[in-house]
Amino acid sequence: MTNIDASVLQPSELKNLMTGKTRLIGLDVGERRVGISVSDTAWSIASPVEVWDMKQQPLQHFKKILDVYNLQWRQPIVGFVVGLPLSLYGEIGPQAEKVQKFCDRVLKPLGYPIAYWDERMSTHGAGRALTEADMSRKQKSEVIDKMAAVFILQGVLDFLKMMSNHE
C-alpha cells in the first residue's frame, strides 16, 4: 500500500505524480473482463498487460500487479486511469456507475489515486486498429479489452504531453 491519497483526480492532476521513474496503469472495465495497460516511465507510451476475468479475486490480483512494478522492478505505480463509458451526451449512465462502483470496491482500497477518462470510443478505436492489423475475429476477441485499455491510457498520456507543451 502507498501513502498516496486514494482520491479521484482530474486527468490534468496526474502530471503532479510524474517523477521519471513512475508508471500509470490503465483500465478498461467491462461486464466480464478488465483490460489492463501500463505506461512507460517517461509517460509517453501505453502498452498492453493482460485481460483479467471478473470471476477472479480482484483485490489480490491488482496487489500482485502492483508488487511486480513497485517491488521487483522498482518503477512504482502512482495511479490508475480508468475508462469511464459516458453517454453520447457526456453524462454518467448505468454502465459508468458500474465502473465507478468497481473502482470504489477494488481500486480505492489499494490507496492509489484514480483518474477517469472518457472512453466512449476506446473499444471502437481498438477494434478498428486490430481489423487494420488483419486479425481474425477470434484473435480480436482475445486482445480487444487490453487494447482498449491501451487506447484509454494513451489518450491520457497524449493529453498530459499536450498540456506540458503549452505551459
Foldseek 3Di string as FASTA:
>chain_A
DDPAAAEADALLVCVVVQDLLAKEWFWEDDDFKIWIWMAHNVLQAIDTDAIGTPVDDQQVVVVVVQCCSCPVVVRGHAEYEYEAAAPPVRHHDDRSVVSVVCCVVHPSVVRHYYYYFHLNCLLVVLVVVVVVVVDDPVVCVRCSNNSSRRVRSNVSSVVNVVVVVVD
